[in-house]
Every structure is written in structure tokens, then in C-alpha cells.
Amino acid sequence: MELKDNQAALILEVGEDGGVSVNVASGNENGAASAICEAIAVKLMQDEKFQAEIMDMIEMDEAE
């Protein structure tokens, strides 16, 4: 997938051990979309409350 200059994407990888890695792909590393994705990636990796909220959402989706 080729990204335009005003686009960025989070790439999540789940390892066999359940660990998650987060990468950012961007059409323009200095653009606003890239900065937003990077901020989300940092929050995802460092904010335990945010991680718990996401896991709760996943568990709710799986229960339905």
C-alpha cells in the first residue's frame, strides 16, 4: 500500500507470545498524520490504562 503525503498508518504486529509491536508508516514523516500516528503509538505502548481500555473493548467484541 502506498501512502499519500497526507496519510499515515499504524502497523500492529502480535507475536506468538502475545506481545504487540507498533510501527508507523507515512507518506510524509514530517506531516500531521504521521505525528498523530506516532502519538497514538506512544500512548498505546506506554499508557497502561489505555491498554486496559483497548483489551476491554476487544473482550466485549469477542463476547458478542
N, C-alpha and C. Protein backbone atom coordinates (compact mmCIF):
# COMPACT_ATOMS: atom_id res chain seq x y z
N MET A 1 0.85 -1.18 0.00
CA MET A 1 0.00 0.00 0.00
C MET A 1 0.89 1.24 0.00
N GLU A 2 0.64 2.12 -0.92
CA GLU A 2 1.39 3.35 -0.99
C GLU A 2 0.58 4.47 -0.35
N LEU A 3 1.21 5.20 0.58
CA LEU A 3 0.52 6.27 1.29
C LEU A 3 0.80 7.62 0.63
N LYS A 4 -0.23 8.46 0.60
CA LYS A 4 -0.07 9.83 0.11
C LYS A 4 0.63 10.65 1.18
N ASP A 5 1.07 11.86 0.82
CA ASP A 5 1.76 12.71 1.78
C ASP A 5 0.92 13.07 3.00
N ASN A 6 -0.40 13.08 2.85
CA ASN A 6 -1.27 13.45 3.96
C ASN A 6 -1.85 12.22 4.67
N GLN A 7 -1.22 11.05 4.48
CA GLN A 7 -1.69 9.82 5.10
C GLN A 7 -0.60 9.17 5.95
N ALA A 8 -1.06 8.47 6.98
CA ALA A 8 -0.15 7.67 7.82
C ALA A 8 -0.96 6.49 8.35
N ALA A 9 -0.26 5.46 8.76
CA ALA A 9 -0.95 4.27 9.25
C ALA A 9 -0.17 3.66 10.41
N LEU A 10 -0.92 3.10 11.36
CA LEU A 10 -0.32 2.30 12.42
C LEU A 10 -0.26 0.87 11.93
N ILE A 11 0.86 0.22 12.16
CA ILE A 11 1.01 -1.19 11.80
C ILE A 11 1.23 -1.94 13.10
N LEU A 12 0.27 -2.80 13.45
CA LEU A 12 0.34 -3.57 14.68
C LEU A 12 0.71 -5.00 14.36
N GLU A 13 1.63 -5.55 15.13
CA GLU A 13 2.04 -6.93 14.95
C GLU A 13 1.94 -7.64 16.29
N VAL A 14 1.26 -8.77 16.30
CA VAL A 14 1.13 -9.56 17.51
C VAL A 14 1.98 -10.81 17.35
N GLY A 15 2.94 -10.97 18.25
CA GLY A 15 3.83 -12.12 18.19
C GLY A 15 3.17 -13.36 18.76
N GLU A 16 3.82 -14.49 18.57
CA GLU A 16 3.30 -15.75 19.09
C GLU A 16 3.16 -15.73 20.60
N ASP A 17 3.99 -14.92 21.27
CA ASP A 17 3.94 -14.82 22.72
C ASP A 17 2.87 -13.84 23.21
N GLY A 18 2.13 -13.23 22.27
CA GLY A 18 1.09 -12.27 22.62
C GLY A 18 1.57 -10.84 22.71
N GLY A 19 2.87 -10.64 22.57
CA GLY A 19 3.42 -9.28 22.61
C GLY A 19 3.02 -8.50 21.38
N VAL A 20 2.83 -7.21 21.56
CA VAL A 20 2.39 -6.34 20.47
C VAL A 20 3.50 -5.34 20.16
N SER A 21 3.80 -5.18 18.89
CA SER A 21 4.71 -4.11 18.46
C SER A 21 3.92 -3.16 17.57
N VAL A 22 4.31 -1.91 17.62
CA VAL A 22 3.61 -0.86 16.87
C VAL A 22 4.62 -0.11 16.02
N ASN A 23 4.30 0.04 14.75
CA ASN A 23 5.12 0.83 13.83
C ASN A 23 4.24 1.84 13.11
N VAL A 24 4.86 2.90 12.62
CA VAL A 24 4.14 3.92 11.88
C VAL A 24 4.68 3.96 10.45
N ALA A 25 3.78 3.93 9.48
CA ALA A 25 4.14 4.13 8.09
C ALA A 25 3.53 5.46 7.66
N SER A 26 4.27 6.21 6.86
CA SER A 26 3.78 7.54 6.50
C SER A 26 4.26 7.94 5.12
N GLY A 27 3.41 8.68 4.43
CA GLY A 27 3.80 9.26 3.15
C GLY A 27 4.71 10.46 3.34
N ASN A 28 4.64 11.08 4.52
CA ASN A 28 5.45 12.26 4.85
C ASN A 28 5.75 12.20 6.34
N GLU A 29 6.96 11.84 6.70
CA GLU A 29 7.33 11.67 8.11
C GLU A 29 7.19 12.95 8.92
N ASN A 30 7.16 14.10 8.28
CA ASN A 30 7.05 15.38 8.99
C ASN A 30 5.63 15.93 8.98
N GLY A 31 4.69 15.17 8.43
CA GLY A 31 3.32 15.65 8.31
C GLY A 31 2.49 15.44 9.57
N ALA A 32 1.33 16.06 9.58
CA ALA A 32 0.41 15.98 10.72
C ALA A 32 -0.09 14.55 10.93
N ALA A 33 -0.41 13.84 9.86
CA ALA A 33 -0.93 12.48 10.00
C ALA A 33 0.11 11.58 10.66
N SER A 34 1.36 11.75 10.28
CA SER A 34 2.44 10.96 10.88
C SER A 34 2.59 11.29 12.36
N ALA A 35 2.51 12.56 12.70
CA ALA A 35 2.64 12.98 14.10
C ALA A 35 1.51 12.40 14.95
N ILE A 36 0.30 12.38 14.41
CA ILE A 36 -0.85 11.81 15.13
C ILE A 36 -0.64 10.32 15.35
N CYS A 37 -0.23 9.60 14.31
CA CYS A 37 0.01 8.16 14.44
C CYS A 37 1.12 7.88 15.45
N GLU A 38 2.17 8.67 15.43
CA GLU A 38 3.26 8.46 16.38
C GLU A 38 2.78 8.69 17.81
N ALA A 39 1.95 9.71 18.03
CA ALA A 39 1.42 9.97 19.36
C ALA A 39 0.55 8.81 19.84
N ILE A 40 -0.27 8.27 18.95
CA ILE A 40 -1.11 7.12 19.30
C ILE A 40 -0.24 5.91 19.60
N ALA A 41 0.80 5.70 18.82
CA ALA A 41 1.71 4.57 19.04
C ALA A 41 2.37 4.66 20.41
N VAL A 42 2.83 5.84 20.77
CA VAL A 42 3.47 6.04 22.08
C VAL A 42 2.46 5.77 23.19
N LYS A 43 1.26 6.31 23.06
CA LYS A 43 0.23 6.10 24.07
C LYS A 43 -0.12 4.61 24.19
N LEU A 44 -0.22 3.95 23.07
CA LEU A 44 -0.56 2.53 23.06
C LEU A 44 0.51 1.71 23.79
N MET A 45 1.76 2.06 23.59
CA MET A 45 2.84 1.28 24.18
C MET A 45 3.15 1.66 25.63
N GLN A 46 2.84 2.89 26.05
CA GLN A 46 3.28 3.35 27.36
C GLN A 46 2.16 3.58 28.38
N ASP A 47 0.94 3.69 27.95
CA ASP A 47 -0.18 4.03 28.84
C ASP A 47 -0.95 2.76 29.22
N GLU A 48 -0.71 2.26 30.43
CA GLU A 48 -1.33 1.01 30.86
C GLU A 48 -2.86 1.12 30.93
N LYS A 49 -3.38 2.27 31.32
CA LYS A 49 -4.83 2.45 31.38
C LYS A 49 -5.43 2.36 29.98
N PHE A 50 -4.79 3.00 29.01
CA PHE A 50 -5.24 2.95 27.62
C PHE A 50 -5.20 1.52 27.10
N GLN A 51 -4.14 0.79 27.41
CA GLN A 51 -4.02 -0.61 27.01
C GLN A 51 -5.16 -1.43 27.58
N ALA A 52 -5.48 -1.21 28.86
CA ALA A 52 -6.56 -1.95 29.51
C ALA A 52 -7.90 -1.64 28.86
N GLU A 53 -8.13 -0.37 28.51
CA GLU A 53 -9.38 0.02 27.85
C GLU A 53 -9.52 -0.71 26.51
N ILE A 54 -8.43 -0.79 25.76
CA ILE A 54 -8.47 -1.48 24.47
C ILE A 54 -8.75 -2.96 24.67
N MET A 55 -8.08 -3.58 25.64
CA MET A 55 -8.31 -5.00 25.89
C MET A 55 -9.75 -5.26 26.31
N ASP A 56 -10.33 -4.35 27.11
CA ASP A 56 -11.74 -4.47 27.49
C ASP A 56 -12.64 -4.41 26.27
N MET A 57 -12.33 -3.52 25.33
CA MET A 57 -13.12 -3.40 24.10
C MET A 57 -13.03 -4.69 23.28
N ILE A 58 -11.84 -5.25 23.19
CA ILE A 58 -11.65 -6.48 22.44
C ILE A 58 -12.45 -7.62 23.07
N GLU A 59 -12.39 -7.71 24.39
CA GLU A 59 -13.13 -8.77 25.10
C GLU A 59 -14.62 -8.61 24.90
N MET A 60 -15.12 -7.38 24.87
CA MET A 60 -16.55 -7.15 24.66
C MET A 60 -16.94 -7.57 23.26
N ASP A 61 -16.11 -7.27 22.25
CA ASP A 61 -16.39 -7.67 20.87
C ASP A 61 -16.40 -9.19 20.72
N GLU A 62 -15.49 -9.87 21.40
CA GLU A 62 -15.41 -11.32 21.30
C GLU A 62 -16.61 -11.99 21.97
N ALA A 63 -17.17 -11.34 22.99
CA ALA A 63 -18.31 -11.91 23.72
C ALA A 63 -19.61 -11.83 22.90
N GLU A 64 -19.65 -10.91 21.95
CA GLU A 64 -20.88 -10.71 21.17
C GLU A 64 -21.04 -11.70 20.06
